[in-house]
Amino acid sequence: MPEDRFTADQFTAAIRSAIADRAQLLAILVREMARTHPEVDFPAVVRRVTFELGVRKARQAGPQPTPAAFLEAQRRVAGTLAFAREVLEAGEERAVQAFHRCPLVDAWRELGASDSEVAELCALANPVDHGAVSVSPELTLRFTETIAEGGATCTMVVERRRE
């Protein structure tokens, strides 16, 4: 097989590996900052930065009018494969998607993170999604379950904001 052609499984594994590297980097940074600079609220810094990353990424597509449009605008082939994304509902008032795999959680567990540390790291990483939805002020976002907290999936619910 030529080097410039990859199977879907090879591509997915490569994306998951890249995500895992960054997830482990985050965990190591959080641990090191807590050890060497306990006076700094580093988790708060990380939450702000990940939120801002979500905002920056979502600005490329602009505000979305409906939950279904938001999910479509955020869809990327790499992310769909890496997180085993499944859209369960896509409507004008509500959209739901499940992520059946989390390469971040896999990486943190591989690093030896405890269940509570995995949940804390997830809480540092998922503001990216809240940042993304903030670009669409008519919408709200919440997770009803996460793999990091023992769920079978990460289930994201996007809804039209109620007055």
C-alpha atoms as a PDB file:
ATOM      1  CA  MET A   1       0.000   0.000   0.000  1.00  0.00           C
ATOM      2  CA  PRO A   2       1.440   3.424  -0.898  1.00  0.00           C
ATOM      3  CA  GLU A   3       2.461   5.555   2.062  1.00  0.00           C
ATOM      4  CA  ASP A   4      -0.036   8.286   1.158  1.00  0.00           C
ATOM      5  CA  ARG A   5      -3.040   5.942   1.442  1.00  0.00           C
ATOM      6  CA  PHE A   6      -4.421   4.775   4.747  1.00  0.00           C
ATOM      7  CA  THR A   7      -7.355   2.642   5.766  1.00  0.00           C
ATOM      8  CA  ALA A   8     -10.085   4.179   7.908  1.00  0.00           C
ATOM      9  CA  ASP A   9      -8.807   2.112  10.858  1.00  0.00           C
ATOM     10  CA  GLN A  10      -5.249   3.399  10.382  1.00  0.00           C
ATOM     11  CA  PHE A  11      -6.475   6.978  10.091  1.00  0.00           C
ATOM     12  CA  THR A  12      -8.650   6.594  13.203  1.00  0.00           C
ATOM     13  CA  ALA A  13      -5.752   5.095  15.176  1.00  0.00           C
ATOM     14  CA  ALA A  14      -3.468   7.959  14.114  1.00  0.00           C
ATOM     15  CA  ILE A  15      -6.002  10.596  15.165  1.00  0.00           C
ATOM     16  CA  ARG A  16      -6.621   8.856  18.490  1.00  0.00           C
ATOM     17  CA  SER A  17      -2.863   8.718  19.076  1.00  0.00           C
ATOM     18  CA  ALA A  18      -2.484  12.446  18.420  1.00  0.00           C
ATOM     19  CA  ILE A  19      -5.379  13.211  20.764  1.00  0.00           C
ATOM     20  CA  ALA A  20      -3.865  10.895  23.391  1.00  0.00           C
ATOM     21  CA  ASP A  21      -0.537  12.716  23.232  1.00  0.00           C
ATOM     22  CA  ARG A  22      -2.244  16.029  23.918  1.00  0.00           C
ATOM     23  CA  ALA A  23      -4.426  14.534  26.648  1.00  0.00           C
ATOM     24  CA  GLN A  24      -1.380  13.157  28.433  1.00  0.00           C
ATOM     25  CA  LEU A  25       0.400  16.478  28.028  1.00  0.00           C
ATOM     26  CA  LEU A  26      -2.544  18.176  29.745  1.00  0.00           C
ATOM     27  CA  ALA A  27      -2.489  15.679  32.618  1.00  0.00           C
ATOM     28  CA  ILE A  28       1.251  16.026  33.116  1.00  0.00           C
ATOM     29  CA  LEU A  29       1.023  19.837  33.031  1.00  0.00           C
ATOM     30  CA  VAL A  30      -1.794  19.862  35.597  1.00  0.00           C
ATOM     31  CA  ARG A  31       0.163  17.543  37.908  1.00  0.00           C
ATOM     32  CA  GLU A  32       3.391  19.510  37.512  1.00  0.00           C
ATOM     33  CA  MET A  33       1.730  22.878  38.077  1.00  0.00           C
ATOM     34  CA  ALA A  34       0.031  21.589  41.226  1.00  0.00           C
ATOM     35  CA  ARG A  35       3.387  20.303  42.488  1.00  0.00           C
ATOM     36  CA  THR A  36       5.558  23.294  41.609  1.00  0.00           C
ATOM     37  CA  HIS A  37       3.108  26.202  41.749  1.00  0.00           C
ATOM     38  CA  PRO A  38       0.278  25.312  44.133  1.00  0.00           C
ATOM     39  CA  GLU A  39      -0.540  29.004  44.527  1.00  0.00           C
ATOM     40  CA  VAL A  40      -1.693  29.173  40.882  1.00  0.00           C
ATOM     41  CA  ASP A  41      -5.231  28.038  40.089  1.00  0.00           C
ATOM     42  CA  PHE A  42      -3.991  26.258  36.984  1.00  0.00           C
ATOM     43  CA  PRO A  43      -7.256  24.337  36.415  1.00  0.00           C
ATOM     44  CA  ALA A  44      -9.072  27.686  36.114  1.00  0.00           C
ATOM     45  CA  VAL A  45      -6.512  28.806  33.529  1.00  0.00           C
ATOM     46  CA  VAL A  46      -6.970  25.582  31.558  1.00  0.00           C
ATOM     47  CA  ARG A  47     -10.776  25.922  31.617  1.00  0.00           C
ATOM     48  CA  ARG A  48     -10.526  29.485  30.264  1.00  0.00           C
ATOM     49  CA  VAL A  49      -8.076  28.445  27.544  1.00  0.00           C
ATOM     50  CA  THR A  50     -10.108  25.426  26.421  1.00  0.00           C
ATOM     51  CA  PHE A  51     -13.285  27.552  26.360  1.00  0.00           C
ATOM     52  CA  GLU A  52     -11.475  30.101  24.179  1.00  0.00           C
ATOM     53  CA  LEU A  53     -10.298  27.346  21.842  1.00  0.00           C
ATOM     54  CA  GLY A  54     -13.922  26.284  21.379  1.00  0.00           C
ATOM     55  CA  VAL A  55     -14.904  29.879  20.625  1.00  0.00           C
ATOM     56  CA  ARG A  56     -12.130  30.259  18.057  1.00  0.00           C
ATOM     57  CA  LYS A  57     -13.026  27.021  16.288  1.00  0.00           C
ATOM     58  CA  ALA A  58     -16.761  27.796  16.221  1.00  0.00           C
ATOM     59  CA  ARG A  59     -16.237  31.319  14.885  1.00  0.00           C
ATOM     60  CA  GLN A  60     -15.045  29.760  11.618  1.00  0.00           C
ATOM     61  CA  ALA A  61     -18.590  28.497  10.995  1.00  0.00           C
ATOM     62  CA  GLY A  62     -20.315  31.380  12.767  1.00  0.00           C
ATOM     63  CA  PRO A  63     -23.462  31.336  14.908  1.00  0.00           C
ATOM     64  CA  GLN A  64     -25.811  28.446  14.225  1.00  0.00           C
ATOM     65  CA  PRO A  65     -29.598  28.898  14.245  1.00  0.00           C
ATOM     66  CA  THR A  66     -30.609  25.432  15.473  1.00  0.00           C
ATOM     67  CA  PRO A  67     -29.203  22.573  17.512  1.00  0.00           C
ATOM     68  CA  ALA A  68     -29.058  20.379  14.392  1.00  0.00           C
ATOM     69  CA  ALA A  69     -27.126  23.072  12.519  1.00  0.00           C
ATOM     70  CA  PHE A  70     -24.703  23.370  15.445  1.00  0.00           C
ATOM     71  CA  LEU A  71     -23.925  19.645  15.375  1.00  0.00           C
ATOM     72  CA  GLU A  72     -23.431  19.731  11.619  1.00  0.00           C
ATOM     73  CA  ALA A  73     -21.147  22.783  11.822  1.00  0.00           C
ATOM     74  CA  GLN A  74     -18.992  21.082  14.480  1.00  0.00           C
ATOM     75  CA  ARG A  75     -18.750  17.788  12.593  1.00  0.00           C
ATOM     76  CA  ARG A  76     -15.242  16.807  11.482  1.00  0.00           C
ATOM     77  CA  VAL A  77     -14.299  13.477   9.932  1.00  0.00           C
ATOM     78  CA  ALA A  78     -11.350  13.013  12.276  1.00  0.00           C
ATOM     79  CA  GLY A  79     -13.394  13.731  15.386  1.00  0.00           C
ATOM     80  CA  THR A  80     -16.284  11.583  14.220  1.00  0.00           C
ATOM     81  CA  LEU A  81     -13.961   8.617  13.780  1.00  0.00           C
ATOM     82  CA  ALA A  82     -11.770   9.214  16.842  1.00  0.00           C
ATOM     83  CA  PHE A  83     -14.695   9.647  19.231  1.00  0.00           C
ATOM     84  CA  ALA A  84     -17.042   7.179  17.470  1.00  0.00           C
ATOM     85  CA  ARG A  85     -19.624   9.958  17.202  1.00  0.00           C
ATOM     86  CA  GLU A  86     -23.269   9.084  16.621  1.00  0.00           C
ATOM     87  CA  VAL A  87     -26.018  11.650  16.139  1.00  0.00           C
ATOM     88  CA  LEU A  88     -29.057  10.358  18.008  1.00  0.00           C
ATOM     89  CA  GLU A  89     -31.367  13.301  17.376  1.00  0.00           C
ATOM     90  CA  ALA A  90     -31.043  16.377  15.169  1.00  0.00           C
ATOM     91  CA  GLY A  91     -33.911  18.823  15.311  1.00  0.00           C
ATOM     92  CA  GLU A  92     -34.823  22.472  15.334  1.00  0.00           C
ATOM     93  CA  GLU A  93     -35.245  22.548  19.132  1.00  0.00           C
ATOM     94  CA  ARG A  94     -32.890  19.805  20.318  1.00  0.00           C
ATOM     95  CA  ALA A  95     -29.989  17.694  19.085  1.00  0.00           C
ATOM     96  CA  VAL A  96     -28.256  14.838  20.850  1.00  0.00           C
ATOM     97  CA  GLN A  97     -25.034  13.096  19.988  1.00  0.00           C
ATOM     98  CA  ALA A  98     -23.203  10.277  21.701  1.00  0.00           C
ATOM     99  CA  PHE A  99     -19.484   9.729  21.695  1.00  0.00           C
ATOM    100  CA  HIS A 100     -18.902   6.016  22.172  1.00  0.00           C
ATOM    101  CA  ARG A 101     -15.162   6.404  22.673  1.00  0.00           C
ATOM    102  CA  CYS A 102     -12.993   9.017  24.372  1.00  0.00           C
ATOM    103  CA  PRO A 103      -9.319   8.966  23.425  1.00  0.00           C
ATOM    104  CA  LEU A 104      -8.640  11.524  26.156  1.00  0.00           C
ATOM    105  CA  VAL A 105     -10.030   9.255  28.880  1.00  0.00           C
ATOM    106  CA  ASP A 106      -8.168   6.293  27.378  1.00  0.00           C
ATOM    107  CA  ALA A 107      -4.920   8.282  27.500  1.00  0.00           C
ATOM    108  CA  TRP A 108      -5.429   9.518  31.059  1.00  0.00           C
ATOM    109  CA  ARG A 109      -6.146   5.995  32.251  1.00  0.00           C
ATOM    110  CA  GLU A 110      -3.069   4.736  30.399  1.00  0.00           C
ATOM    111  CA  LEU A 111      -1.079   7.383  32.270  1.00  0.00           C
ATOM    112  CA  GLY A 112      -2.368   5.920  35.545  1.00  0.00           C
ATOM    113  CA  ALA A 113      -4.865   8.632  36.453  1.00  0.00           C
ATOM    114  CA  SER A 114      -7.362   7.727  39.158  1.00  0.00           C
ATOM    115  CA  ASP A 115     -11.099   7.831  38.443  1.00  0.00           C
ATOM    116  CA  SER A 116     -11.382  11.186  40.219  1.00  0.00           C
ATOM    117  CA  GLU A 117      -8.393  12.599  38.326  1.00  0.00           C
ATOM    118  CA  VAL A 118      -9.920  11.446  35.006  1.00  0.00           C
ATOM    119  CA  ALA A 119     -13.184  13.213  35.891  1.00  0.00           C
ATOM    120  CA  GLU A 120     -11.265  16.380  36.838  1.00  0.00           C
ATOM    121  CA  LEU A 121      -9.266  16.308  33.599  1.00  0.00           C
ATOM    122  CA  CYS A 122     -12.455  15.856  31.595  1.00  0.00           C
ATOM    123  CA  ALA A 123     -13.894  18.915  33.348  1.00  0.00           C
ATOM    124  CA  LEU A 124     -10.821  20.815  32.142  1.00  0.00           C
ATOM    125  CA  ALA A 125     -11.147  19.606  28.552  1.00  0.00           C
ATOM    126  CA  ASN A 126     -14.881  19.869  27.910  1.00  0.00           C
ATOM    127  CA  PRO A 127     -15.157  23.676  28.150  1.00  0.00           C
ATOM    128  CA  VAL A 128     -14.088  23.561  24.488  1.00  0.00           C
ATOM    129  CA  ASP A 129     -17.631  22.417  23.679  1.00  0.00           C
ATOM    130  CA  HIS A 130     -19.191  25.123  25.843  1.00  0.00           C
ATOM    131  CA  GLY A 131     -16.981  27.700  24.153  1.00  0.00           C
ATOM    132  CA  ALA A 132     -18.139  26.471  20.758  1.00  0.00           C
ATOM    133  CA  VAL A 133     -21.813  26.765  21.636  1.00  0.00           C
ATOM    134  CA  SER A 134     -21.300  30.231  23.144  1.00  0.00           C
ATOM    135  CA  VAL A 135     -20.857  31.549  19.583  1.00  0.00           C
ATOM    136  CA  SER A 136     -24.522  30.603  19.030  1.00  0.00           C
ATOM    137  CA  PRO A 137     -26.286  32.577  21.785  1.00  0.00           C
ATOM    138  CA  GLU A 138     -29.669  30.985  21.016  1.00  0.00           C
ATOM    139  CA  LEU A 139     -28.340  27.568  22.048  1.00  0.00           C
ATOM    140  CA  THR A 140     -27.326  25.765  25.237  1.00  0.00           C
ATOM    141  CA  LEU A 141     -25.179  22.681  25.710  1.00  0.00           C
ATOM    142  CA  ARG A 142     -24.923  20.084  28.449  1.00  0.00           C
ATOM    143  CA  PHE A 143     -23.582  16.590  28.922  1.00  0.00           C
ATOM    144  CA  THR A 144     -26.023  14.117  30.420  1.00  0.00           C
ATOM    145  CA  GLU A 145     -23.350  11.470  30.842  1.00  0.00           C
ATOM    146  CA  THR A 146     -19.599  11.198  30.356  1.00  0.00           C
ATOM    147  CA  ILE A 147     -17.234   8.290  29.957  1.00  0.00           C
ATOM    148  CA  ALA A 148     -14.916  10.026  32.416  1.00  0.00           C
ATOM    149  CA  GLU A 149     -17.558   9.707  35.131  1.00  0.00           C
ATOM    150  CA  GLY A 150     -18.310   6.068  34.344  1.00  0.00           C
ATOM    151  CA  GLY A 151     -20.941   6.486  31.631  1.00  0.00           C
ATOM    152  CA  ALA A 152     -21.154   4.235  28.605  1.00  0.00           C
ATOM    153  CA  THR A 153     -20.905   7.307  26.354  1.00  0.00           C
ATOM    154  CA  CYS A 154     -20.385  11.034  26.464  1.00  0.00           C
ATOM    155  CA  THR A 155     -23.855  12.264  25.594  1.00  0.00           C
ATOM    156  CA  MET A 156     -24.064  15.878  24.481  1.00  0.00           C
ATOM    157  CA  VAL A 157     -27.421  17.652  24.364  1.00  0.00           C
ATOM    158  CA  VAL A 158     -27.759  20.940  22.490  1.00  0.00           C
ATOM    159  CA  GLU A 159     -31.047  22.807  22.873  1.00  0.00           C
ATOM    160  CA  ARG A 160     -32.579  26.044  21.746  1.00  0.00           C
ATOM    161  CA  ARG A 161     -32.426  28.490  24.667  1.00  0.00           C
ATOM    162  CA  ARG A 162     -35.781  28.996  26.354  1.00  0.00           C
ATOM    163  CA  GLU A 163     -36.824  32.531  27.187  1.00  0.00           C
END
